[in-house]
Amino acid sequence: MVTVIKKGSDKKVINKILKEALRTKGVDTHKYCGVITLKEDPLVIQKRMRDEWE
């Protein structure tokens, strides 16, 4: 994300822009921790998936 602050802006405008930029948006990923149980090593799965492209 890019925030443009123009030269000569006063502190109120800058603080307002920064507060909006720092506001977090998105998905709460912590609720998905530990949901998937894997039966094999993740590195083995990753290597197998990479080899599919060849």
N, C-alpha and C. Protein backbone atom coordinates (compact mmCIF):
# COMPACT_ATOMS: atom_id res chain seq x y z
N MET A 1 0.84 -1.17 0.00
CA MET A 1 0.00 0.00 0.00
C MET A 1 0.89 1.24 0.00
N VAL A 2 0.50 2.21 -0.78
CA VAL A 2 1.26 3.44 -0.90
C VAL A 2 0.43 4.58 -0.35
N THR A 3 1.05 5.39 0.50
CA THR A 3 0.39 6.56 1.05
C THR A 3 1.14 7.79 0.59
N VAL A 4 0.41 8.72 0.01
CA VAL A 4 1.03 9.93 -0.50
C VAL A 4 0.74 11.07 0.46
N ILE A 5 1.79 11.69 0.96
CA ILE A 5 1.67 12.87 1.83
C ILE A 5 2.30 14.03 1.09
N LYS A 6 1.51 15.02 0.80
CA LYS A 6 2.00 16.15 0.02
C LYS A 6 2.77 17.12 0.90
N LYS A 7 3.72 17.76 0.29
CA LYS A 7 4.55 18.73 0.98
C LYS A 7 3.68 19.90 1.43
N GLY A 8 3.83 20.29 2.67
CA GLY A 8 3.06 21.41 3.20
C GLY A 8 1.79 20.98 3.92
N SER A 9 1.56 19.66 4.06
CA SER A 9 0.37 19.19 4.78
C SER A 9 0.56 19.45 6.27
N ASP A 10 -0.55 19.78 6.94
CA ASP A 10 -0.44 20.03 8.38
C ASP A 10 -0.51 18.71 9.15
N LYS A 11 -0.18 18.79 10.44
CA LYS A 11 -0.07 17.59 11.27
C LYS A 11 -1.37 16.82 11.38
N LYS A 12 -2.50 17.50 11.42
CA LYS A 12 -3.78 16.81 11.55
C LYS A 12 -4.03 15.90 10.35
N VAL A 13 -3.76 16.42 9.17
CA VAL A 13 -3.97 15.63 7.95
C VAL A 13 -3.02 14.44 7.91
N ILE A 14 -1.76 14.66 8.27
CA ILE A 14 -0.77 13.59 8.27
C ILE A 14 -1.15 12.51 9.28
N ASN A 15 -1.53 12.91 10.47
CA ASN A 15 -1.93 11.92 11.49
C ASN A 15 -3.15 11.13 11.05
N LYS A 16 -4.10 11.78 10.40
CA LYS A 16 -5.29 11.09 9.92
C LYS A 16 -4.93 10.05 8.86
N ILE A 17 -4.06 10.42 7.94
CA ILE A 17 -3.62 9.50 6.89
C ILE A 17 -2.87 8.31 7.49
N LEU A 18 -1.99 8.57 8.45
CA LEU A 18 -1.22 7.49 9.08
C LEU A 18 -2.11 6.55 9.88
N LYS A 19 -3.11 7.07 10.57
CA LYS A 19 -4.02 6.21 11.32
C LYS A 19 -4.81 5.29 10.39
N GLU A 20 -5.23 5.83 9.25
CA GLU A 20 -5.95 5.00 8.29
C GLU A 20 -5.05 3.92 7.69
N ALA A 21 -3.79 4.25 7.48
CA ALA A 21 -2.85 3.29 6.91
C ALA A 21 -2.51 2.18 7.90
N LEU A 22 -2.48 2.49 9.18
CA LEU A 22 -2.11 1.50 10.19
C LEU A 22 -3.27 0.60 10.58
N ARG A 23 -4.46 0.96 10.19
CA ARG A 23 -5.63 0.15 10.50
C ARG A 23 -5.49 -1.18 9.78
N THR A 24 -5.63 -2.28 10.51
CA THR A 24 -5.44 -3.60 9.90
C THR A 24 -6.74 -4.08 9.27
N LYS A 25 -6.59 -4.63 8.10
CA LYS A 25 -7.71 -5.23 7.39
C LYS A 25 -7.26 -6.61 6.95
N GLY A 26 -8.18 -7.53 6.88
CA GLY A 26 -7.82 -8.84 6.38
C GLY A 26 -8.41 -9.96 7.18
N VAL A 27 -7.76 -11.09 7.10
CA VAL A 27 -8.25 -12.33 7.69
C VAL A 27 -7.48 -12.62 8.97
N ASP A 28 -8.19 -13.10 9.98
CA ASP A 28 -7.54 -13.53 11.21
C ASP A 28 -6.98 -14.93 10.99
N THR A 29 -5.69 -15.03 10.71
CA THR A 29 -5.09 -16.32 10.39
C THR A 29 -4.84 -17.19 11.62
N HIS A 30 -4.87 -16.60 12.80
CA HIS A 30 -4.61 -17.38 14.02
C HIS A 30 -5.72 -18.41 14.27
N LYS A 31 -6.91 -18.18 13.78
CA LYS A 31 -7.99 -19.14 14.01
C LYS A 31 -7.79 -20.41 13.19
N TYR A 32 -6.89 -20.39 12.20
CA TYR A 32 -6.64 -21.56 11.37
C TYR A 32 -5.41 -22.35 11.81
N CYS A 33 -4.72 -21.90 12.84
CA CYS A 33 -3.52 -22.61 13.31
C CYS A 33 -3.89 -23.98 13.86
N GLY A 34 -3.22 -25.01 13.37
CA GLY A 34 -3.43 -26.36 13.85
C GLY A 34 -4.65 -27.04 13.30
N VAL A 35 -5.31 -26.48 12.30
CA VAL A 35 -6.53 -27.06 11.76
C VAL A 35 -6.22 -28.25 10.87
N ILE A 36 -5.15 -28.16 10.09
CA ILE A 36 -4.80 -29.22 9.15
C ILE A 36 -3.84 -30.20 9.83
N THR A 37 -4.16 -31.47 9.72
CA THR A 37 -3.25 -32.51 10.21
C THR A 37 -2.68 -33.23 9.00
N LEU A 38 -1.37 -33.24 8.89
CA LEU A 38 -0.70 -33.85 7.75
C LEU A 38 -0.17 -35.22 8.11
N LYS A 39 -0.25 -36.12 7.14
CA LYS A 39 0.22 -37.48 7.37
C LYS A 39 1.66 -37.69 6.91
N GLU A 40 2.20 -36.72 6.16
CA GLU A 40 3.60 -36.81 5.74
C GLU A 40 4.27 -35.45 5.92
N ASP A 41 5.58 -35.46 5.79
CA ASP A 41 6.39 -34.26 6.02
C ASP A 41 6.04 -33.17 5.00
N PRO A 42 5.84 -31.94 5.45
CA PRO A 42 5.51 -30.85 4.53
C PRO A 42 6.55 -30.63 3.43
N LEU A 43 7.83 -30.86 3.72
CA LEU A 43 8.86 -30.69 2.69
C LEU A 43 8.72 -31.74 1.58
N VAL A 44 8.32 -32.95 1.94
CA VAL A 44 8.11 -33.99 0.94
C VAL A 44 6.93 -33.61 0.04
N ILE A 45 5.88 -33.09 0.64
CA ILE A 45 4.72 -32.63 -0.13
C ILE A 45 5.12 -31.50 -1.07
N GLN A 46 5.89 -30.56 -0.57
CA GLN A 46 6.32 -29.41 -1.37
C GLN A 46 7.18 -29.86 -2.56
N LYS A 47 8.13 -30.78 -2.32
CA LYS A 47 8.97 -31.28 -3.41
C LYS A 47 8.15 -32.01 -4.45
N ARG A 48 7.18 -32.80 -4.02
CA ARG A 48 6.32 -33.53 -4.95
C ARG A 48 5.50 -32.56 -5.79
N MET A 49 5.00 -31.50 -5.18
CA MET A 49 4.22 -30.51 -5.92
C MET A 49 5.09 -29.75 -6.91
N ARG A 50 6.34 -29.48 -6.55
CA ARG A 50 7.25 -28.79 -7.47
C ARG A 50 7.61 -29.68 -8.65
N ASP A 51 7.72 -30.98 -8.43
CA ASP A 51 8.07 -31.90 -9.50
C ASP A 51 6.93 -32.09 -10.49
N GLU A 52 5.70 -31.72 -10.13
CA GLU A 52 4.57 -31.86 -11.03
C GLU A 52 4.71 -30.95 -12.25
N TRP A 53 5.47 -29.89 -12.13
CA TRP A 53 5.60 -28.93 -13.22
C TRP A 53 6.52 -29.44 -14.33
N GLU A 54 7.34 -30.42 -14.03
CA GLU A 54 8.31 -30.91 -15.02
C GLU A 54 7.68 -31.85 -16.01
